Protein backbone atom coordinates (compact mmCIF):
# COMPACT_ATOMS: atom_id res chain seq x y z
CA MET A 1 13.34 21.71 -28.10
CA ALA A 2 10.35 23.88 -26.72
CA ARG A 3 10.36 24.64 -22.82
CA LEU A 4 7.52 23.99 -20.77
CA PRO A 5 5.09 27.21 -20.36
CA SER A 6 5.43 30.05 -17.84
CA SER A 7 3.40 31.41 -15.78
CA ALA A 8 2.98 34.63 -13.69
CA MET A 9 4.12 32.25 -10.53
CA ASP A 10 7.59 31.65 -12.58
CA HIS A 11 8.39 35.37 -11.39
CA ALA A 12 7.06 35.15 -7.84
CA PRO A 13 9.37 34.82 -4.60
CA ARG A 14 10.04 31.26 -3.99
CA HIS A 15 10.14 29.59 -0.91
CA PRO A 16 9.05 26.76 1.17
CA MET A 17 5.31 25.82 1.94
CA ARG A 18 3.90 23.72 4.03
CA PRO A 19 4.27 19.95 2.87
CA VAL A 20 0.85 18.78 0.47
CA GLY A 21 0.19 15.55 -0.51
CA THR A 22 1.82 12.69 1.14
CA TYR A 23 1.27 9.94 -0.75
CA SER A 24 -0.52 9.34 -4.09
CA ILE A 25 0.05 6.68 -7.43
CA VAL A 26 -0.19 7.77 -10.79
CA ALA A 27 -1.07 5.04 -12.98
CA ARG A 28 -2.88 3.54 -16.69
CA ASP A 29 -4.43 0.67 -17.59
CA GLU A 30 -5.24 -0.33 -21.59
CA GLN A 31 -8.10 1.95 -21.12
CA SER A 32 -7.46 4.82 -18.81
CA VAL A 33 -5.27 7.00 -16.94
CA GLY A 34 -5.29 8.21 -13.39
CA VAL A 35 -3.98 9.74 -10.20
CA ALA A 36 -5.41 8.82 -6.67
CA VAL A 37 -4.04 10.55 -3.65
CA GLN A 38 -4.92 10.97 0.24
CA SER A 39 -3.40 13.67 2.89
CA HIS A 40 -3.62 15.40 6.14
CA TRP A 41 -4.53 18.36 4.17
CA TYR A 42 -7.82 20.14 3.38
CA ASN A 43 -8.70 20.18 -0.38
CA VAL A 44 -5.80 17.74 -1.68
CA GLY A 45 -7.66 16.94 -4.67
CA ALA A 46 -6.60 20.76 -5.88
CA VAL A 47 -3.07 20.54 -5.79
CA VAL A 48 -2.18 16.97 -6.79
CA PRO A 49 -3.64 15.27 -9.50
CA TRP A 50 -3.47 16.52 -12.97
CA VAL A 51 -4.92 14.20 -15.40
CA ASP A 52 -5.70 14.34 -19.53
CA ALA A 53 -6.51 11.17 -21.07
CA ALA A 54 -4.70 12.03 -24.04
CA CYS A 55 -1.42 12.71 -23.28
CA GLY A 56 -1.23 11.48 -19.50
CA ALA A 57 -1.20 12.24 -15.48
CA VAL A 58 0.83 14.33 -13.14
CA ALA A 59 1.08 14.21 -9.16
CA VAL A 60 2.85 16.90 -7.39
CA GLN A 61 3.34 16.95 -3.52
CA SER A 62 5.51 17.59 -0.70
CA PHE A 63 7.23 21.24 -0.89
CA SER A 64 4.76 21.98 -3.81
CA GLY A 65 1.97 23.87 -5.27
CA PRO A 66 -0.24 23.20 -8.01
CA GLU A 67 1.81 25.33 -10.75
CA PRO A 68 4.20 22.68 -11.20
CA GLY A 69 1.62 19.96 -12.04
CA TYR A 70 0.15 22.72 -14.47
CA ARG A 71 3.47 23.02 -16.18
CA ALA A 72 3.96 19.47 -16.40
CA LEU A 73 0.54 18.88 -18.03
CA GLU A 74 1.05 21.20 -20.41
CA GLY A 75 4.33 19.81 -21.14
CA LEU A 76 2.78 16.42 -21.60
CA ARG A 77 0.13 17.94 -24.06
CA ALA A 78 2.90 19.50 -26.44
CA GLY A 79 4.71 16.16 -26.82
CA THR A 80 7.46 16.88 -24.49
CA ALA A 81 9.02 13.52 -22.86
CA PRO A 82 8.57 13.05 -18.96
CA ALA A 83 12.53 13.29 -18.29
CA GLN A 84 12.46 16.64 -20.05
CA ILE A 85 9.83 18.00 -18.29
CA LEU A 86 10.94 16.91 -14.91
CA GLN A 87 14.33 18.37 -15.64
CA GLU A 88 13.30 21.56 -16.30
CA LEU A 89 10.90 21.38 -12.93
CA LEU A 90 14.08 21.04 -11.34
CA GLU A 91 15.67 23.90 -12.48
CA ASP A 92 13.48 25.61 -9.13
CA ASP A 93 15.49 25.10 -6.05
CA VAL A 94 12.52 24.34 -4.02
CA GLN A 95 11.44 21.66 -6.73
CA ARG A 96 14.73 19.91 -6.72
CA ALA A 97 15.29 20.17 -2.89
CA GLY A 98 11.52 19.32 -1.41
CA GLY A 99 9.16 18.59 -4.37
CA GLN A 100 7.82 15.08 -5.23
CA ILE A 101 6.90 15.01 -8.66
CA ALA A 102 5.45 11.86 -10.69
CA ILE A 103 4.92 12.22 -14.51
CA MET A 104 3.64 10.04 -16.52
CA ASP A 105 3.10 10.16 -20.57
CA ALA A 106 0.11 8.13 -22.40
CA ASN A 107 2.76 5.15 -23.27
CA GLY A 108 3.62 4.76 -19.48
CA THR A 109 6.74 6.75 -19.60
CA PHE A 110 7.93 7.94 -15.94
CA ALA A 111 9.79 10.30 -14.76
CA THR A 112 9.61 10.63 -11.04
CA HIS A 113 11.66 12.81 -7.95
CA THR A 114 11.63 12.39 -4.23
CA GLY A 115 13.79 15.69 -3.08
CA ALA A 116 16.52 15.27 -0.49
CA GLY A 117 14.47 17.76 1.81
CA CYS A 118 11.10 16.01 1.64
CA ILE A 119 10.40 15.15 5.08
CA PRO A 120 10.82 11.33 6.35
CA CYS A 121 9.84 8.70 5.63
CA ALA A 122 9.55 9.77 2.45
CA GLY A 123 10.35 7.75 -1.10
CA HIS A 124 9.01 6.25 -4.52
CA ARG A 125 8.64 3.49 -6.13
CA VAL A 126 8.25 3.11 -10.26
CA GLY A 127 6.51 -0.36 -11.75
CA ALA A 128 4.74 -1.51 -14.44
CA ASP A 129 2.33 1.29 -15.54
CA TYR A 130 2.57 2.97 -12.59
CA SER A 131 4.57 5.08 -9.87
CA VAL A 132 3.55 5.29 -6.43
CA GLN A 133 4.94 8.16 -4.19
CA ALA A 134 5.09 9.09 -0.36
CA ASN A 135 6.54 11.72 2.05
CA LEU A 136 5.61 12.62 5.55
CA MET A 137 4.89 8.88 6.07
CA ASP A 138 4.59 7.01 9.85
CA THR A 139 6.89 4.17 8.07
CA ASP A 140 8.60 3.58 5.12
CA ALA A 141 6.78 0.75 4.26
CA VAL A 142 3.76 2.54 2.66
CA TRP A 143 5.02 3.35 -1.19
CA GLY A 144 5.74 -0.38 -1.58
CA ALA A 145 2.81 -1.75 -0.29
CA MET A 146 0.83 0.90 -2.42
CA GLY A 147 2.81 -0.85 -5.65
CA THR A 148 2.26 -3.98 -4.43
CA ALA A 149 -1.40 -3.85 -4.35
CA PHE A 150 -1.77 -2.09 -7.36
CA GLU A 151 0.45 -4.98 -8.89
CA ARG A 152 -2.61 -7.58 -8.04
CA PRO A 153 -4.52 -8.30 -10.71
CA GLY A 154 -8.42 -7.81 -10.51
CA GLY A 155 -10.88 -4.91 -11.29
CA ASP A 156 -10.46 -1.68 -13.04
CA LEU A 157 -7.92 1.01 -12.93
CA ALA A 158 -10.55 2.85 -10.25
CA GLU A 159 -10.46 -0.10 -8.53
CA ARG A 160 -6.91 -0.70 -8.47
CA LEU A 161 -5.98 2.88 -7.22
CA LEU A 162 -8.42 2.47 -4.26
CA ALA A 163 -6.41 -0.48 -3.56
CA ALA A 164 -3.14 1.38 -3.60
CA LEU A 165 -4.70 4.05 -1.01
CA GLU A 166 -6.05 1.40 1.23
CA ALA A 167 -2.66 -0.24 1.29
CA ALA A 168 -1.03 2.80 2.56
CA GLU A 169 -3.20 3.32 5.64
CA ALA A 170 -2.61 -0.46 6.21
CA ALA A 171 0.97 0.31 6.54
CA GLY A 172 1.09 3.23 8.17
CA GLY A 173 -0.23 6.34 6.09
CA ASP A 174 0.46 9.83 6.96
CA VAL A 175 2.46 10.09 10.13
CA ARG A 176 -0.38 13.40 10.53
CA GLY A 177 -3.49 11.44 10.36
CA ARG A 178 -5.91 11.75 7.51
CA GLN A 179 -8.50 14.35 5.95
CA SER A 180 -8.50 14.48 2.54
CA ALA A 181 -8.12 12.41 -0.43
CA ALA A 182 -8.89 12.14 -4.20
CA ILE A 183 -9.37 10.10 -7.33
CA VAL A 184 -9.16 11.10 -11.34
CA VAL A 185 -9.59 8.10 -13.78
CA ALA A 186 -9.78 9.69 -17.74
CA SER A 187 -10.33 7.73 -20.68
CA PRO A 188 -9.56 9.05 -24.43
CA GLY A 189 -12.72 10.26 -25.57
CA PRO A 190 -14.11 14.08 -25.92
CA PRO A 191 -12.23 16.72 -24.81
CA ALA A 192 -11.85 17.38 -21.07
CA PRO A 193 -13.50 17.38 -18.60
CA LEU A 194 -16.17 14.78 -20.42
CA ASP A 195 -13.20 12.24 -20.85
CA ARG A 196 -13.39 11.81 -16.86
CA VAL A 197 -15.03 8.54 -15.75
CA PHE A 198 -13.91 9.26 -12.18
CA ASP A 199 -13.42 12.76 -10.75
CA LEU A 200 -14.26 13.08 -7.26
CA ARG A 201 -13.01 14.49 -3.74
CA VAL A 202 -13.34 14.17 -0.28
CA GLU A 203 -12.27 17.56 1.33
CA ASP A 204 -12.39 17.09 5.07
CA HIS A 205 -13.32 13.71 6.69
CA PRO A 206 -11.97 11.54 9.93
CA ASP A 207 -11.66 8.44 7.19
CA PRO A 208 -11.20 9.74 3.64
CA VAL A 209 -10.65 6.46 1.96
CA PRO A 210 -13.57 4.67 2.81
CA GLU A 211 -15.74 7.92 2.16
CA LEU A 212 -13.80 7.78 -1.30
CA ARG A 213 -14.59 4.28 -1.97
CA ARG A 214 -18.27 4.87 -1.26
CA LEU A 215 -18.27 7.67 -3.64
CA VAL A 216 -16.60 5.66 -6.27
CA ARG A 217 -19.42 3.13 -6.08
CA LEU A 218 -22.12 6.35 -6.45
CA ARG A 219 -20.19 6.97 -9.38
CA ARG A 220 -20.40 3.21 -10.86
CA ALA A 221 -24.02 3.63 -9.96
CA TYR A 222 -24.99 6.83 -11.89
CA ILE A 223 -23.03 5.22 -14.67
CA GLN A 224 -25.01 2.09 -15.21
CA LEU A 225 -28.10 4.53 -15.07
CA ASN A 226 -27.04 6.60 -17.53
CA ASP A 227 -26.39 3.00 -19.51
CA GLY A 228 -30.14 2.22 -18.92
CA ASP A 229 -31.44 5.39 -20.38
CA GLN A 230 -29.19 5.00 -23.81
CA LEU A 231 -30.59 0.97 -23.98
CA LEU A 232 -33.86 2.50 -23.49
CA ALA A 233 -33.69 5.04 -26.03
CA ARG A 234 -32.85 2.29 -28.14
CA GLN A 235 -36.04 0.42 -27.57
CA ASP A 236 -34.22 -2.31 -25.52
CA VAL A 237 -36.35 -2.55 -22.56
CA ALA A 238 -34.75 -5.46 -21.00
CA GLY A 239 -31.51 -4.31 -21.08
CA ALA A 240 -32.64 -0.98 -19.67
CA LEU A 241 -34.21 -2.67 -17.15
CA ALA A 242 -31.04 -4.58 -16.43
CA ALA A 243 -28.87 -1.50 -16.46
CA TYR A 244 -31.34 -0.11 -13.95
CA GLU A 245 -31.40 -2.72 -11.24
CA ALA A 246 -27.90 -2.87 -11.44
CA SER A 247 -27.47 0.47 -10.74
CA ILE A 248 -29.74 0.83 -7.66
CA ARG A 249 -27.52 -2.80 -6.31
CA THR A 250 -24.31 -0.62 -6.59
CA ALA A 251 -25.61 2.47 -5.27
CA GLY A 252 -26.94 0.22 -1.94
CA ALA A 253 -30.12 0.11 -0.44
CA GLY A 254 -31.58 3.92 0.57
CA THR A 255 -28.72 5.33 -0.73
CA ALA A 256 -29.13 8.70 -2.54
CA ASP A 257 -32.92 8.62 -1.46
CA GLY A 258 -34.16 7.11 -4.23
CA GLU A 259 -32.71 8.79 -6.81
CA PRO A 260 -32.09 5.88 -8.96
CA GLU A 261 -35.67 4.50 -8.30
CA PHE A 262 -36.95 7.47 -9.45
CA TRP A 263 -35.42 8.13 -12.47
CA THR A 264 -36.00 4.97 -13.54
CA GLY A 265 -39.39 5.07 -12.95
CA ILE A 266 -39.67 8.43 -14.97
CA ALA A 267 -37.53 6.80 -17.88
CA LEU A 268 -39.92 3.75 -18.08
CA ALA A 269 -43.14 6.19 -17.97
CA SER A 270 -41.80 8.28 -20.45
CA SER A 271 -41.78 4.70 -22.51
CA ASP A 272 -45.27 3.88 -22.00
CA ARG A 273 -44.14 1.32 -19.64
CA ILE A 274 -46.53 2.51 -16.96
CA GLY A 275 -46.58 -0.67 -14.41
CA ASP A 276 -43.04 -0.83 -14.11
CA ALA A 277 -42.53 2.77 -13.69
CA GLU A 278 -45.16 2.82 -10.75
CA ASP A 279 -43.17 0.18 -9.17
CA TYR A 280 -40.17 2.12 -9.32
CA LEU A 281 -41.67 5.18 -7.84
CA ARG A 282 -43.25 3.44 -5.11
CA ARG A 283 -39.51 2.13 -4.07
CA ALA A 284 -38.53 5.90 -4.31
CA ALA A 285 -41.29 6.92 -2.27
CA ALA A 286 -40.46 4.31 0.60
CA LEU A 287 -36.84 6.26 0.71
CA SER A 288 -37.78 9.94 0.35
CA ASP A 289 -41.23 11.97 0.70
CA ARG A 290 -40.12 14.70 -1.75
CA TRP A 291 -40.54 12.68 -5.02
CA ALA A 292 -44.07 13.16 -5.67
CA ARG A 293 -43.80 16.88 -5.63
CA LEU A 294 -41.51 16.36 -8.74
CA VAL A 295 -43.29 14.42 -10.98
CA PRO A 296 -45.78 17.41 -12.18
CA ARG A 297 -42.49 19.33 -12.94
CA LEU A 298 -41.19 17.12 -15.51
CA VAL A 299 -44.07 18.04 -18.27
CA ALA A 300 -42.42 21.17 -18.59
CA PRO A 301 -39.04 20.00 -19.55
CA GLY A 302 -40.71 17.33 -21.91
CA MET A 303 -39.57 14.36 -19.95
CA LEU A 304 -43.23 13.15 -19.05
CA ALA A 305 -46.41 13.79 -21.34
CA ASP A 306 -48.73 16.70 -20.64
CA ASP A 307 -51.14 13.97 -19.25
CA PRO A 308 -53.02 14.91 -16.31
CA GLU A 309 -54.26 11.19 -15.72
CA LEU A 310 -50.94 9.90 -16.09
CA ILE A 311 -49.49 12.39 -14.07
CA GLU A 312 -52.20 11.65 -11.57
CA VAL A 313 -51.16 8.06 -11.36
CA LEU A 314 -47.18 8.34 -11.23
CA VAL A 315 -47.88 11.16 -8.17
CA ARG A 316 -49.59 8.66 -6.25
CA ALA A 317 -47.26 6.25 -7.11
CA ALA A 318 -44.39 8.35 -5.66
CA THR A 319 -46.64 9.54 -2.77
CA PRO A 320 -45.36 7.55 0.53
CA GLN A 321 -48.39 5.25 1.23
């Protein structure tokens, strides 16, 4: 059987590193695979989550760097079983003693390891379609609480991953506190990163999990905005308006300074729904005074017709009253 791909890091001196990651979840449902993580560590999303919808997902943390995550994901892409990937990674003394690793293939087969050298409280739990793992925790209830939260029905994979992070915080979380968080959810489709439904990071924040939830909500709003554009392109005006309104509701009043409202107005104007367009542009203008300056600039890329009378109407609507 082929061994995992190597890198220049394989030949570098091996030494213990500061513990990174603290708690994470690797999981799947019928549509997606994903990883979510929180840590009292800056930029944790660059180290812990490794996701490819076509083959699975990996989380690496504790006394580890990103290189084992890269190697594990490449192993999954090559069709290597999670147990074999883990066995090869644990040939490294640092990973075996202090690493915490969860590997899941696209079928939901797991291999998870918590090294004896991980800082207490540390442990993991594997359930149907998920693995939760934590180290440097305030209590030993954290990973169990995460698993229980994920098992509750309701919501898509991103929602259940967020619920697991919130349960970790409620059970005590990282003994050091909190700093950064990340979520990656991918569904089979075009090559990465186009299969990424969510790929969001909170790099440095006093309360990163609620901030991550806010970003997930905004991402959902922009997905609905894109859905509206596709419906409008198919001449389904009623469906497009419903999607646009759903986007604005999801984003929340005043969120993004009127971005969903503005682009909804522009899309409607480009489809000769001028009255509806004016209404949305007025709503955008109530949230920011910058949109009117953008309207004429949309002629050059062909987003609006080169019609001075139309542009004047739209600029007036987008100007705060």
